[in-house]
Amino acid sequence: MAITVRNLLEQRSLNLRLAVEGSGATLDSPISWVQVSESADPTTYLEGGELLLTTGLVMPDGTPDAAHREYASRLAEIGARGVGFGLGIQHEHVPQWLIYQCEAVGLPLFTVPLATPFIAISKTIAMIRIATWNECTAISNGCSVACIRSIR
């Protein structure tokens, strides 16, 4: 099973809340990895397919500054799977401009409560990826055994 934003939202222990659903099947697009960044332009450090986590440490509450005017569109262009916004460090709520930007480009956005450390999200993604790998390995091994038996 590939890990998706929808899968993460279903993990009740994380207490994540969807703020912007995104467009089309974005909630079901596979996440390749998770990256934490407080940069105004984190795309330099992404390859595409990642989930970005941020507390919005350098993000303004009101109107976005020049550095943040294209924040969500840059993430969508590189193929980020979504943004997890940590509440309670710098912001009590997701800045409204970020919600509007994510809606405009179809990028999923969810909130992460202060009680949920980012490492819990990273571990969840890693554990699901490991379980998927183990499942694929078991299937592959079973196919190999069946193939060998069929040629004896």
N, C-alpha and C. Protein backbone atom coordinates (compact mmCIF):
# COMPACT_ATOMS: atom_id res chain seq x y z
N MET A 1 0.85 -1.18 0.00
CA MET A 1 0.00 0.00 0.00
C MET A 1 0.89 1.24 0.00
N ALA A 2 0.65 2.12 -0.93
CA ALA A 2 1.38 3.38 -0.96
C ALA A 2 0.80 4.32 0.10
N ILE A 3 1.64 5.09 0.71
CA ILE A 3 1.18 6.06 1.72
C ILE A 3 0.72 7.33 1.00
N THR A 4 -0.42 7.83 1.41
CA THR A 4 -1.01 9.03 0.81
C THR A 4 -1.43 9.99 1.92
N VAL A 5 -1.78 11.19 1.53
CA VAL A 5 -2.30 12.15 2.51
C VAL A 5 -3.57 11.59 3.14
N ARG A 6 -4.40 10.94 2.34
CA ARG A 6 -5.63 10.35 2.89
C ARG A 6 -5.29 9.32 3.97
N ASN A 7 -4.29 8.45 3.72
CA ASN A 7 -3.87 7.46 4.72
C ASN A 7 -3.44 8.14 6.01
N LEU A 8 -2.68 9.21 5.89
CA LEU A 8 -2.23 9.93 7.09
C LEU A 8 -3.40 10.50 7.88
N LEU A 9 -4.35 11.09 7.16
CA LEU A 9 -5.52 11.67 7.82
C LEU A 9 -6.33 10.61 8.56
N GLU A 10 -6.27 9.38 8.09
CA GLU A 10 -7.01 8.27 8.72
C GLU A 10 -6.33 7.75 9.99
N GLN A 11 -5.08 8.15 10.23
CA GLN A 11 -4.35 7.72 11.42
C GLN A 11 -4.84 8.56 12.60
N ARG A 12 -5.80 8.06 13.33
CA ARG A 12 -6.44 8.83 14.41
C ARG A 12 -5.44 9.33 15.45
N SER A 13 -4.41 8.57 15.72
CA SER A 13 -3.45 8.96 16.76
C SER A 13 -2.70 10.25 16.41
N LEU A 14 -2.66 10.60 15.13
CA LEU A 14 -1.95 11.82 14.72
C LEU A 14 -2.81 13.08 14.88
N ASN A 15 -4.12 12.93 14.92
CA ASN A 15 -5.04 14.06 15.09
C ASN A 15 -4.88 15.15 14.02
N LEU A 16 -4.64 14.75 12.80
CA LEU A 16 -4.51 15.70 11.70
C LEU A 16 -5.89 16.12 11.22
N ARG A 17 -6.00 17.38 10.77
CA ARG A 17 -7.28 17.91 10.29
C ARG A 17 -7.10 18.53 8.92
N LEU A 18 -7.92 18.09 7.98
CA LEU A 18 -7.85 18.59 6.61
C LEU A 18 -8.37 20.02 6.55
N ALA A 19 -7.58 20.90 5.93
CA ALA A 19 -7.98 22.29 5.74
C ALA A 19 -8.33 22.55 4.27
N VAL A 20 -7.58 21.93 3.35
CA VAL A 20 -7.83 22.05 1.91
C VAL A 20 -7.67 20.65 1.32
N GLU A 21 -8.71 20.18 0.64
CA GLU A 21 -8.69 18.84 0.08
C GLU A 21 -7.76 18.70 -1.12
N GLY A 22 -7.59 19.76 -1.85
CA GLY A 22 -6.80 19.67 -3.08
C GLY A 22 -7.72 19.34 -4.24
N SER A 23 -7.14 19.08 -5.39
CA SER A 23 -7.95 18.82 -6.57
C SER A 23 -7.77 17.38 -7.05
N GLY A 24 -8.78 16.88 -7.71
CA GLY A 24 -8.71 15.54 -8.28
C GLY A 24 -8.36 14.49 -7.25
N ALA A 25 -7.38 13.70 -7.58
CA ALA A 25 -6.97 12.58 -6.73
C ALA A 25 -5.75 12.91 -5.88
N THR A 26 -5.55 14.20 -5.57
CA THR A 26 -4.33 14.58 -4.86
C THR A 26 -4.23 13.94 -3.48
N LEU A 27 -5.36 13.71 -2.82
CA LEU A 27 -5.30 13.07 -1.50
C LEU A 27 -4.82 11.63 -1.60
N ASP A 28 -4.96 11.04 -2.79
CA ASP A 28 -4.58 9.64 -2.99
C ASP A 28 -3.30 9.46 -3.78
N SER A 29 -2.58 10.54 -4.02
CA SER A 29 -1.28 10.44 -4.71
C SER A 29 -0.23 9.94 -3.73
N PRO A 30 0.62 9.01 -4.16
CA PRO A 30 1.60 8.44 -3.23
C PRO A 30 2.65 9.46 -2.78
N ILE A 31 2.96 9.40 -1.50
CA ILE A 31 3.99 10.25 -0.90
C ILE A 31 5.31 9.49 -0.97
N SER A 32 6.33 10.12 -1.54
CA SER A 32 7.63 9.47 -1.62
C SER A 32 8.41 9.59 -0.32
N TRP A 33 8.24 10.72 0.34
CA TRP A 33 8.97 10.97 1.60
C TRP A 33 8.36 12.17 2.29
N VAL A 34 8.89 12.50 3.45
CA VAL A 34 8.41 13.66 4.18
C VAL A 34 9.61 14.58 4.44
N GLN A 35 9.40 15.88 4.32
CA GLN A 35 10.46 16.85 4.51
C GLN A 35 9.95 17.98 5.38
N VAL A 36 10.74 18.40 6.34
CA VAL A 36 10.41 19.55 7.19
C VAL A 36 11.21 20.74 6.69
N SER A 37 10.55 21.87 6.52
CA SER A 37 11.25 23.08 6.09
C SER A 37 10.51 24.32 6.57
N GLU A 38 11.27 25.31 6.98
CA GLU A 38 10.73 26.62 7.33
C GLU A 38 11.16 27.66 6.31
N SER A 39 11.72 27.22 5.21
CA SER A 39 12.19 28.11 4.15
C SER A 39 11.01 28.73 3.41
N ALA A 40 11.19 29.96 2.95
CA ALA A 40 10.17 30.62 2.14
C ALA A 40 10.02 29.93 0.78
N ASP A 41 11.08 29.25 0.33
CA ASP A 41 11.02 28.47 -0.91
C ASP A 41 11.71 27.13 -0.68
N PRO A 42 10.97 26.14 -0.18
CA PRO A 42 11.57 24.85 0.12
C PRO A 42 11.79 23.97 -1.11
N THR A 43 11.36 24.42 -2.28
CA THR A 43 11.45 23.57 -3.47
C THR A 43 12.88 23.21 -3.85
N THR A 44 13.82 24.03 -3.44
CA THR A 44 15.23 23.73 -3.71
C THR A 44 15.63 22.39 -3.11
N TYR A 45 14.97 22.00 -2.04
CA TYR A 45 15.33 20.79 -1.30
C TYR A 45 14.39 19.62 -1.57
N LEU A 46 13.50 19.77 -2.55
CA LEU A 46 12.52 18.72 -2.86
C LEU A 46 12.77 18.16 -4.26
N GLU A 47 12.34 16.92 -4.46
CA GLU A 47 12.45 16.28 -5.77
C GLU A 47 11.10 16.12 -6.44
N GLY A 48 10.03 16.20 -5.66
CA GLY A 48 8.68 15.92 -6.14
C GLY A 48 8.18 14.65 -5.47
N GLY A 49 6.93 14.68 -5.05
CA GLY A 49 6.34 13.53 -4.38
C GLY A 49 6.39 13.60 -2.86
N GLU A 50 7.05 14.61 -2.32
CA GLU A 50 7.18 14.71 -0.86
C GLU A 50 5.98 15.40 -0.23
N LEU A 51 5.83 15.10 1.05
CA LEU A 51 4.91 15.83 1.91
C LEU A 51 5.77 16.83 2.67
N LEU A 52 5.36 18.09 2.67
CA LEU A 52 6.11 19.13 3.36
C LEU A 52 5.45 19.44 4.70
N LEU A 53 6.25 19.47 5.75
CA LEU A 53 5.77 19.87 7.07
C LEU A 53 6.43 21.18 7.45
N THR A 54 5.65 22.10 8.00
CA THR A 54 6.17 23.40 8.41
C THR A 54 5.35 23.94 9.58
N THR A 55 5.99 24.76 10.39
CA THR A 55 5.26 25.47 11.44
C THR A 55 4.96 26.90 10.99
N GLY A 56 5.40 27.27 9.80
CA GLY A 56 5.18 28.62 9.30
C GLY A 56 5.99 29.65 10.05
N LEU A 57 7.14 29.24 10.54
CA LEU A 57 7.97 30.11 11.38
C LEU A 57 8.26 31.46 10.73
N VAL A 58 8.49 31.47 9.42
CA VAL A 58 8.81 32.74 8.74
C VAL A 58 7.64 33.26 7.90
N MET A 59 6.47 32.65 8.08
CA MET A 59 5.30 33.07 7.30
C MET A 59 4.53 34.18 8.03
N PRO A 60 4.13 35.20 7.29
CA PRO A 60 3.32 36.25 7.92
C PRO A 60 1.89 35.78 8.16
N ASP A 61 1.24 36.37 9.16
CA ASP A 61 -0.17 36.06 9.43
C ASP A 61 -1.09 36.70 8.40
N GLY A 62 -0.83 37.95 8.09
CA GLY A 62 -1.70 38.70 7.17
C GLY A 62 -1.36 38.43 5.72
N THR A 63 -1.25 39.47 4.96
CA THR A 63 -0.93 39.37 3.54
C THR A 63 0.45 38.75 3.36
N PRO A 64 0.59 37.81 2.42
CA PRO A 64 1.91 37.21 2.22
C PRO A 64 2.91 38.23 1.70
N ASP A 65 4.13 38.12 2.20
CA ASP A 65 5.20 38.98 1.70
C ASP A 65 5.65 38.46 0.33
N ALA A 66 6.57 39.17 -0.31
CA ALA A 66 7.03 38.80 -1.65
C ALA A 66 7.56 37.37 -1.70
N ALA A 67 8.25 36.96 -0.66
CA ALA A 67 8.85 35.62 -0.62
C ALA A 67 7.79 34.51 -0.58
N HIS A 68 6.60 34.81 -0.11
CA HIS A 68 5.57 33.78 0.06
C HIS A 68 4.40 33.89 -0.93
N ARG A 69 4.44 34.85 -1.84
CA ARG A 69 3.31 35.04 -2.76
C ARG A 69 3.05 33.85 -3.66
N GLU A 70 4.08 33.09 -3.96
CA GLU A 70 3.95 31.92 -4.85
C GLU A 70 4.26 30.62 -4.12
N TYR A 71 4.15 30.61 -2.81
CA TYR A 71 4.55 29.47 -1.99
C TYR A 71 3.87 28.16 -2.44
N ALA A 72 2.55 28.13 -2.45
CA ALA A 72 1.82 26.91 -2.81
C ALA A 72 2.00 26.55 -4.28
N SER A 73 2.04 27.55 -5.15
CA SER A 73 2.19 27.23 -6.58
C SER A 73 3.56 26.61 -6.87
N ARG A 74 4.60 27.07 -6.18
CA ARG A 74 5.92 26.45 -6.35
C ARG A 74 5.90 25.00 -5.88
N LEU A 75 5.25 24.75 -4.76
CA LEU A 75 5.16 23.37 -4.25
C LEU A 75 4.36 22.48 -5.21
N ALA A 76 3.26 23.01 -5.73
CA ALA A 76 2.44 22.23 -6.67
C ALA A 76 3.22 21.95 -7.95
N GLU A 77 3.96 22.93 -8.44
CA GLU A 77 4.74 22.76 -9.67
C GLU A 77 5.78 21.67 -9.54
N ILE A 78 6.41 21.55 -8.39
CA ILE A 78 7.45 20.54 -8.21
C ILE A 78 6.85 19.16 -7.92
N GLY A 79 5.54 19.13 -7.62
CA GLY A 79 4.88 17.85 -7.38
C GLY A 79 4.79 17.44 -5.92
N ALA A 80 4.85 18.42 -5.02
CA ALA A 80 4.66 18.10 -3.60
C ALA A 80 3.27 17.50 -3.43
N ARG A 81 3.14 16.58 -2.49
CA ARG A 81 1.87 15.89 -2.26
C ARG A 81 0.94 16.64 -1.32
N GLY A 82 1.50 17.58 -0.57
CA GLY A 82 0.68 18.35 0.35
C GLY A 82 1.53 19.06 1.37
N VAL A 83 0.85 19.83 2.21
CA VAL A 83 1.51 20.59 3.28
C VAL A 83 0.82 20.25 4.59
N GLY A 84 1.64 19.88 5.58
CA GLY A 84 1.16 19.72 6.94
C GLY A 84 1.61 20.95 7.72
N PHE A 85 0.67 21.69 8.27
CA PHE A 85 0.98 22.95 8.95
C PHE A 85 0.86 22.77 10.45
N GLY A 86 1.99 22.87 11.14
CA GLY A 86 2.03 22.71 12.58
C GLY A 86 1.51 23.95 13.30
N LEU A 87 0.52 23.74 14.15
CA LEU A 87 -0.08 24.84 14.90
C LEU A 87 0.53 24.95 16.29
N GLY A 88 0.53 26.19 16.82
CA GLY A 88 0.92 26.39 18.21
C GLY A 88 2.34 26.85 18.44
N ILE A 89 3.18 26.85 17.43
CA ILE A 89 4.55 27.35 17.57
C ILE A 89 4.60 28.83 17.18
N GLN A 90 4.22 29.10 15.94
CA GLN A 90 4.21 30.47 15.42
C GLN A 90 2.80 30.96 15.15
N HIS A 91 1.92 30.04 14.79
CA HIS A 91 0.55 30.39 14.40
C HIS A 91 -0.45 29.52 15.16
N GLU A 92 -1.54 30.13 15.56
CA GLU A 92 -2.63 29.38 16.18
C GLU A 92 -3.58 28.81 15.13
N HIS A 93 -3.56 29.42 13.93
CA HIS A 93 -4.38 28.98 12.80
C HIS A 93 -3.52 29.08 11.54
N VAL A 94 -3.89 28.34 10.52
CA VAL A 94 -3.20 28.45 9.23
C VAL A 94 -3.51 29.84 8.67
N PRO A 95 -2.49 30.56 8.20
CA PRO A 95 -2.75 31.86 7.58
C PRO A 95 -3.75 31.72 6.43
N GLN A 96 -4.72 32.61 6.38
CA GLN A 96 -5.77 32.52 5.37
C GLN A 96 -5.20 32.57 3.95
N TRP A 97 -4.15 33.34 3.75
CA TRP A 97 -3.56 33.43 2.41
C TRP A 97 -3.03 32.08 1.96
N LEU A 98 -2.52 31.27 2.89
CA LEU A 98 -2.01 29.94 2.51
C LEU A 98 -3.16 29.02 2.14
N ILE A 99 -4.27 29.12 2.85
CA ILE A 99 -5.45 28.33 2.50
C ILE A 99 -5.91 28.70 1.09
N TYR A 100 -6.00 29.99 0.80
CA TYR A 100 -6.42 30.44 -0.54
C TYR A 100 -5.46 29.94 -1.61
N GLN A 101 -4.16 30.04 -1.35
CA GLN A 101 -3.17 29.58 -2.33
C GLN A 101 -3.31 28.08 -2.60
N CYS A 102 -3.44 27.29 -1.55
CA CYS A 102 -3.56 25.84 -1.72
C CYS A 102 -4.84 25.48 -2.46
N GLU A 103 -5.93 26.17 -2.16
CA GLU A 103 -7.18 25.95 -2.90
C GLU A 103 -7.00 26.28 -4.38
N ALA A 104 -6.30 27.38 -4.67
CA ALA A 104 -6.13 27.83 -6.05
C ALA A 104 -5.32 26.85 -6.89
N VAL A 105 -4.35 26.18 -6.28
CA VAL A 105 -3.49 25.27 -7.05
C VAL A 105 -3.82 23.80 -6.80
N GLY A 106 -4.81 23.52 -5.95
CA GLY A 106 -5.22 22.14 -5.71
C GLY A 106 -4.28 21.33 -4.85
N LEU A 107 -3.59 22.01 -3.94
CA LEU A 107 -2.61 21.34 -3.08
C LEU A 107 -3.24 21.02 -1.72
N PRO A 108 -3.25 19.75 -1.31
CA PRO A 108 -3.80 19.42 0.01
C PRO A 108 -3.05 20.12 1.14
N LEU A 109 -3.82 20.54 2.13
CA LEU A 109 -3.26 21.23 3.29
C LEU A 109 -3.98 20.69 4.52
N PHE A 110 -3.21 20.29 5.53
CA PHE A 110 -3.83 19.82 6.76
C PHE A 110 -3.09 20.42 7.95
N THR A 111 -3.77 20.46 9.09
CA THR A 111 -3.16 21.00 10.30
C THR A 111 -2.62 19.87 11.16
N VAL A 112 -1.54 20.20 11.84
CA VAL A 112 -0.89 19.28 12.77
C VAL A 112 -0.95 19.96 14.15
N PRO A 113 -1.64 19.34 15.11
CA PRO A 113 -1.72 19.97 16.43
C PRO A 113 -0.38 19.95 17.14
N LEU A 114 -0.19 20.87 18.05
CA LEU A 114 1.07 20.97 18.80
C LEU A 114 1.40 19.65 19.50
N ALA A 115 0.39 18.92 19.92
CA ALA A 115 0.62 17.65 20.62
C ALA A 115 1.15 16.54 19.72
N THR A 116 1.11 16.74 18.41
CA THR A 116 1.62 15.74 17.46
C THR A 116 2.97 16.19 16.93
N PRO A 117 4.05 15.57 17.37
CA PRO A 117 5.37 15.96 16.85
C PRO A 117 5.52 15.54 15.39
N PHE A 118 6.23 16.34 14.64
CA PHE A 118 6.46 16.02 13.23
C PHE A 118 7.10 14.64 13.08
N ILE A 119 7.93 14.23 14.03
CA ILE A 119 8.59 12.93 13.94
C ILE A 119 7.55 11.80 13.93
N ALA A 120 6.40 11.99 14.56
CA ALA A 120 5.35 10.97 14.55
C ALA A 120 4.82 10.77 13.13
N ILE A 121 4.71 11.85 12.38
CA ILE A 121 4.27 11.76 10.98
C ILE A 121 5.35 11.08 10.15
N SER A 122 6.59 11.47 10.36
CA SER A 122 7.71 10.85 9.63
C SER A 122 7.77 9.35 9.91
N LYS A 123 7.62 8.97 11.17
CA LYS A 123 7.68 7.54 11.53
C LYS A 123 6.50 6.77 10.92
N THR A 124 5.34 7.38 10.90
CA THR A 124 4.18 6.73 10.30
C THR A 124 4.42 6.45 8.82
N ILE A 125 4.94 7.44 8.11
CA ILE A 125 5.24 7.27 6.69
C ILE A 125 6.30 6.19 6.51
N ALA A 126 7.35 6.23 7.31
CA ALA A 126 8.42 5.23 7.21
C ALA A 126 7.89 3.83 7.49
N MET A 127 7.07 3.69 8.52
CA MET A 127 6.55 2.36 8.89
C MET A 127 5.65 1.79 7.79
N ILE A 128 4.83 2.62 7.19
CA ILE A 128 3.98 2.15 6.09
C ILE A 128 4.83 1.77 4.89
N ARG A 129 5.85 2.55 4.61
CA ARG A 129 6.76 2.22 3.50
C ARG A 129 7.48 0.90 3.76
N ILE A 130 7.92 0.68 4.99
CA ILE A 130 8.59 -0.58 5.35
C ILE A 130 7.63 -1.75 5.22
N ALA A 131 6.41 -1.58 5.70
CA ALA A 131 5.41 -2.65 5.60
C ALA A 131 5.12 -2.98 4.14
N THR A 132 5.03 -1.96 3.30
CA THR A 132 4.80 -2.17 1.87
C THR A 132 5.97 -2.92 1.25
N TRP A 133 7.18 -2.53 1.61
CA TRP A 133 8.38 -3.20 1.10
C TRP A 133 8.38 -4.67 1.52
N ASN A 134 8.07 -4.94 2.78
CA ASN A 134 8.04 -6.32 3.27
C ASN A 134 6.99 -7.14 2.55
N GLU A 135 5.84 -6.53 2.30
CA GLU A 135 4.77 -7.22 1.57
C GLU A 135 5.21 -7.55 0.15
N CYS A 136 5.83 -6.58 -0.50
CA CYS A 136 6.32 -6.81 -1.87
C CYS A 136 7.39 -7.90 -1.90
N THR A 137 8.27 -7.89 -0.92
CA THR A 137 9.32 -8.90 -0.84
C THR A 137 8.72 -10.28 -0.64
N ALA A 138 7.72 -10.39 0.22
CA ALA A 138 7.07 -11.68 0.46
C ALA A 138 6.39 -12.19 -0.81
N ILE A 139 5.72 -11.29 -1.52
CA ILE A 139 5.06 -11.68 -2.77
C ILE A 139 6.10 -12.13 -3.79
N SER A 140 7.18 -11.37 -3.88
CA SER A 140 8.25 -11.70 -4.82
C SER A 140 8.86 -13.06 -4.50
N ASN A 141 9.12 -13.30 -3.22
CA ASN A 141 9.68 -14.59 -2.81
C ASN A 141 8.71 -15.72 -3.13
N GLY A 142 7.43 -15.51 -2.91
CA GLY A 142 6.43 -16.53 -3.22
C GLY A 142 6.37 -16.83 -4.70
N CYS A 143 6.48 -15.80 -5.52
CA CYS A 143 6.47 -15.99 -6.97
C CYS A 143 7.71 -16.76 -7.42
N SER A 144 8.85 -16.46 -6.81
CA SER A 144 10.09 -17.15 -7.16
C SER A 144 10.00 -18.63 -6.85
N VAL A 145 9.47 -18.95 -5.67
CA VAL A 145 9.32 -20.35 -5.27
C VAL A 145 8.37 -21.06 -6.22
N ALA A 146 7.25 -20.43 -6.54
CA ALA A 146 6.29 -21.03 -7.46
C ALA A 146 6.89 -21.25 -8.84
N CYS A 147 7.69 -20.32 -9.29
CA CYS A 147 8.33 -20.42 -10.60
C CYS A 147 9.32 -21.58 -10.60
N ILE A 148 10.12 -21.69 -9.54
CA ILE A 148 11.11 -22.78 -9.46
C ILE A 148 10.40 -24.13 -9.43
N ARG A 149 9.33 -24.22 -8.66
CA ARG A 149 8.57 -25.47 -8.58
C ARG A 149 7.99 -25.86 -9.93
N SER A 150 7.57 -24.88 -10.69
CA SER A 150 6.92 -25.17 -11.97
C SER A 150 7.90 -25.69 -13.02
N ILE A 151 9.19 -25.42 -12.86
CA ILE A 151 10.16 -25.90 -13.87
C ILE A 151 10.89 -27.16 -13.44
N ARG A 152 10.56 -27.69 -12.28
CA ARG A 152 11.22 -28.95 -11.81
C ARG A 152 10.66 -30.12 -12.51
